[in-house]
Amino acid sequence: MLKSVSTCLSCENLVENFKCKVHQLEVELNNVCDSHLSRPSLNKGSSCGNCSSYQTDNCSYPTKASEGLLCFDWKI
């Protein structure tokens, strides 16, 4: 079974080029630290139906969005 873990790749401190903006280091897949702050991420339960932008003016694809559909603009 696949599970999500709190690695640096799921941290809101990670910026472009896999750099940690807190520690100013390049991170790798298995790095973790005590400053980790989880950011919202897609998972198998993510869909338009539980996206905070669904049926609002903030939805990027209002004509395509529907219950059960997943897009990469999904937000908590």
N, C-alpha and C. Protein backbone atom coordinates (compact mmCIF):
# COMPACT_ATOMS: atom_id res chain seq x y z
N MET A 1 0.84 -1.18 0.00
CA MET A 1 0.00 0.00 0.00
C MET A 1 0.89 1.24 0.00
N LEU A 2 0.56 2.21 -0.83
CA LEU A 2 1.29 3.47 -0.86
C LEU A 2 0.76 4.40 0.21
N LYS A 3 1.66 5.12 0.85
CA LYS A 3 1.27 6.09 1.86
C LYS A 3 2.02 7.39 1.63
N SER A 4 1.46 8.49 2.07
CA SER A 4 2.14 9.77 2.02
C SER A 4 2.98 9.94 3.29
N VAL A 5 4.15 10.50 3.14
CA VAL A 5 5.01 10.76 4.29
C VAL A 5 5.40 12.22 4.28
N SER A 6 5.87 12.69 5.41
CA SER A 6 6.23 14.10 5.54
C SER A 6 7.70 14.32 5.15
N THR A 7 8.01 14.11 3.89
CA THR A 7 9.37 14.37 3.41
C THR A 7 9.44 15.81 2.96
N CYS A 8 10.64 16.24 2.65
CA CYS A 8 10.83 17.61 2.17
C CYS A 8 10.07 17.88 0.87
N LEU A 9 9.79 16.85 0.09
CA LEU A 9 9.08 17.04 -1.17
C LEU A 9 7.63 17.43 -0.96
N SER A 10 7.11 17.22 0.25
CA SER A 10 5.73 17.64 0.53
C SER A 10 5.69 18.84 1.47
N CYS A 11 6.80 19.56 1.58
CA CYS A 11 6.91 20.70 2.50
C CYS A 11 6.68 22.01 1.77
N GLU A 12 5.98 22.93 2.41
CA GLU A 12 5.74 24.23 1.79
C GLU A 12 6.99 25.10 1.75
N ASN A 13 8.07 24.69 2.43
CA ASN A 13 9.33 25.42 2.37
C ASN A 13 10.15 25.07 1.13
N LEU A 14 9.72 24.07 0.36
CA LEU A 14 10.44 23.67 -0.84
C LEU A 14 10.10 24.62 -1.98
N VAL A 15 11.13 25.16 -2.61
CA VAL A 15 10.94 26.07 -3.74
C VAL A 15 11.57 25.46 -4.98
N GLU A 16 11.59 26.22 -6.07
CA GLU A 16 12.10 25.70 -7.33
C GLU A 16 13.51 25.11 -7.19
N ASN A 17 13.81 24.18 -8.07
CA ASN A 17 15.10 23.49 -8.09
C ASN A 17 15.37 22.68 -6.83
N PHE A 18 14.30 22.25 -6.16
CA PHE A 18 14.40 21.41 -4.96
C PHE A 18 15.27 22.05 -3.87
N LYS A 19 15.10 23.34 -3.68
CA LYS A 19 15.83 24.06 -2.62
C LYS A 19 14.90 24.31 -1.45
N CYS A 20 15.45 24.14 -0.25
CA CYS A 20 14.71 24.47 0.96
C CYS A 20 14.94 25.95 1.26
N LYS A 21 13.86 26.73 1.34
CA LYS A 21 14.03 28.16 1.59
C LYS A 21 14.38 28.46 3.04
N VAL A 22 14.20 27.50 3.94
CA VAL A 22 14.56 27.69 5.35
C VAL A 22 16.03 27.38 5.57
N HIS A 23 16.49 26.25 5.05
CA HIS A 23 17.86 25.80 5.30
C HIS A 23 18.83 26.12 4.17
N GLN A 24 18.31 26.65 3.06
CA GLN A 24 19.14 27.00 1.91
C GLN A 24 19.98 25.82 1.42
N LEU A 25 19.35 24.64 1.36
CA LEU A 25 20.00 23.42 0.90
C LEU A 25 19.17 22.79 -0.19
N GLU A 26 19.84 22.03 -1.06
CA GLU A 26 19.12 21.23 -2.04
C GLU A 26 18.66 19.95 -1.35
N VAL A 27 17.39 19.60 -1.52
CA VAL A 27 16.85 18.43 -0.85
C VAL A 27 16.67 17.28 -1.82
N GLU A 28 16.58 16.09 -1.26
CA GLU A 28 16.37 14.89 -2.05
C GLU A 28 15.12 14.17 -1.57
N LEU A 29 14.76 13.13 -2.26
CA LEU A 29 13.52 12.42 -2.02
C LEU A 29 13.32 11.99 -0.57
N ASN A 30 14.35 11.54 0.09
CA ASN A 30 14.20 10.99 1.44
C ASN A 30 14.57 11.96 2.57
N ASN A 31 14.79 13.23 2.28
CA ASN A 31 15.12 14.19 3.32
C ASN A 31 13.90 14.58 4.14
N VAL A 32 14.11 14.74 5.45
CA VAL A 32 13.09 15.23 6.38
C VAL A 32 13.78 16.16 7.37
N CYS A 33 13.00 17.02 8.04
CA CYS A 33 13.57 17.87 9.08
C CYS A 33 12.48 18.30 10.05
N ASP A 34 12.87 18.92 11.13
CA ASP A 34 11.92 19.37 12.16
C ASP A 34 11.16 20.63 11.76
N SER A 35 11.59 21.30 10.69
CA SER A 35 10.91 22.51 10.23
C SER A 35 9.87 22.22 9.16
N HIS A 36 9.54 20.95 8.97
CA HIS A 36 8.61 20.56 7.92
C HIS A 36 7.23 21.15 8.15
N LEU A 37 6.67 21.76 7.12
CA LEU A 37 5.31 22.27 7.13
C LEU A 37 4.59 21.67 5.94
N SER A 38 3.64 20.79 6.21
CA SER A 38 2.93 20.12 5.11
C SER A 38 2.12 21.11 4.30
N ARG A 39 2.15 20.90 3.02
CA ARG A 39 1.30 21.69 2.14
C ARG A 39 0.21 20.77 1.60
N PRO A 40 -0.91 21.35 1.24
CA PRO A 40 -1.97 20.53 0.67
C PRO A 40 -1.47 19.80 -0.57
N SER A 41 -1.83 18.55 -0.71
CA SER A 41 -1.38 17.81 -1.88
C SER A 41 -2.50 16.94 -2.43
N LEU A 42 -2.36 16.62 -3.69
CA LEU A 42 -3.32 15.74 -4.33
C LEU A 42 -3.21 14.35 -3.74
N ASN A 43 -4.32 13.69 -3.63
CA ASN A 43 -4.33 12.29 -3.21
C ASN A 43 -5.49 11.59 -3.90
N LYS A 44 -5.67 10.30 -3.67
CA LYS A 44 -6.70 9.58 -4.40
C LYS A 44 -8.12 10.05 -4.06
N GLY A 45 -8.30 10.78 -2.98
CA GLY A 45 -9.61 11.31 -2.63
C GLY A 45 -9.87 12.72 -3.15
N SER A 46 -8.88 13.33 -3.79
CA SER A 46 -9.03 14.69 -4.31
C SER A 46 -9.90 14.69 -5.56
N SER A 47 -10.84 15.63 -5.64
CA SER A 47 -11.68 15.77 -6.82
C SER A 47 -12.30 17.16 -6.81
N CYS A 48 -12.96 17.51 -7.90
CA CYS A 48 -13.64 18.80 -7.95
C CYS A 48 -14.63 18.95 -6.79
N GLY A 49 -15.26 17.85 -6.41
CA GLY A 49 -16.27 17.90 -5.35
C GLY A 49 -15.75 18.36 -4.01
N ASN A 50 -14.45 18.15 -3.73
CA ASN A 50 -13.90 18.61 -2.45
C ASN A 50 -12.81 19.67 -2.64
N CYS A 51 -12.79 20.29 -3.81
CA CYS A 51 -11.86 21.40 -4.07
C CYS A 51 -12.51 22.71 -3.61
N SER A 52 -11.74 23.55 -2.95
CA SER A 52 -12.29 24.80 -2.44
C SER A 52 -12.70 25.76 -3.56
N SER A 53 -12.21 25.53 -4.78
CA SER A 53 -12.56 26.41 -5.90
C SER A 53 -13.76 25.93 -6.69
N TYR A 54 -14.24 24.72 -6.40
CA TYR A 54 -15.34 24.14 -7.18
C TYR A 54 -16.59 25.02 -7.12
N GLN A 55 -17.14 25.31 -8.27
CA GLN A 55 -18.34 26.13 -8.44
C GLN A 55 -18.19 27.53 -7.85
N THR A 56 -16.97 28.07 -7.92
CA THR A 56 -16.72 29.46 -7.51
C THR A 56 -16.04 30.19 -8.66
N ASP A 57 -15.88 31.48 -8.53
CA ASP A 57 -15.17 32.27 -9.55
C ASP A 57 -13.68 31.94 -9.58
N ASN A 58 -13.17 31.25 -8.56
CA ASN A 58 -11.75 30.90 -8.51
C ASN A 58 -11.41 29.63 -9.29
N CYS A 59 -12.41 28.91 -9.77
CA CYS A 59 -12.17 27.67 -10.51
C CYS A 59 -11.54 28.00 -11.86
N SER A 60 -10.43 27.35 -12.17
CA SER A 60 -9.72 27.59 -13.42
C SER A 60 -10.43 26.99 -14.63
N TYR A 61 -11.29 25.99 -14.41
CA TYR A 61 -11.96 25.28 -15.50
C TYR A 61 -13.45 25.12 -15.21
N PRO A 62 -14.18 26.21 -15.06
CA PRO A 62 -15.57 26.12 -14.63
C PRO A 62 -16.48 25.34 -15.58
N THR A 63 -16.18 25.32 -16.86
CA THR A 63 -17.04 24.59 -17.80
C THR A 63 -16.71 23.10 -17.83
N LYS A 64 -15.54 22.71 -17.32
CA LYS A 64 -15.13 21.31 -17.33
C LYS A 64 -15.26 20.64 -15.96
N ALA A 65 -15.23 21.42 -14.90
CA ALA A 65 -15.25 20.87 -13.54
C ALA A 65 -16.54 20.12 -13.26
N SER A 66 -16.39 18.95 -12.64
CA SER A 66 -17.56 18.17 -12.26
C SER A 66 -17.20 17.24 -11.11
N GLU A 67 -18.19 16.79 -10.40
CA GLU A 67 -18.01 15.88 -9.26
C GLU A 67 -17.18 14.67 -9.69
N GLY A 68 -16.16 14.33 -8.93
CA GLY A 68 -15.34 13.16 -9.22
C GLY A 68 -14.17 13.41 -10.15
N LEU A 69 -14.12 14.55 -10.81
CA LEU A 69 -13.02 14.87 -11.72
C LEU A 69 -11.85 15.44 -10.94
N LEU A 70 -10.64 15.12 -11.36
CA LEU A 70 -9.44 15.64 -10.71
C LEU A 70 -8.67 16.50 -11.69
N CYS A 71 -8.21 17.66 -11.26
CA CYS A 71 -7.31 18.48 -12.07
C CYS A 71 -6.16 18.93 -11.20
N PHE A 72 -5.15 19.50 -11.81
CA PHE A 72 -3.97 19.88 -11.06
C PHE A 72 -4.05 21.27 -10.44
N ASP A 73 -5.22 21.88 -10.45
CA ASP A 73 -5.45 23.14 -9.74
C ASP A 73 -6.21 22.89 -8.44
N TRP A 74 -6.34 21.62 -8.05
CA TRP A 74 -7.10 21.26 -6.86
C TRP A 74 -6.52 21.96 -5.62
N LYS A 75 -7.41 22.48 -4.78
CA LYS A 75 -7.00 23.20 -3.55
C LYS A 75 -7.87 22.76 -2.39
N ILE A 76 -7.28 22.80 -1.19
CA ILE A 76 -8.04 22.52 0.04
C ILE A 76 -8.91 23.72 0.36
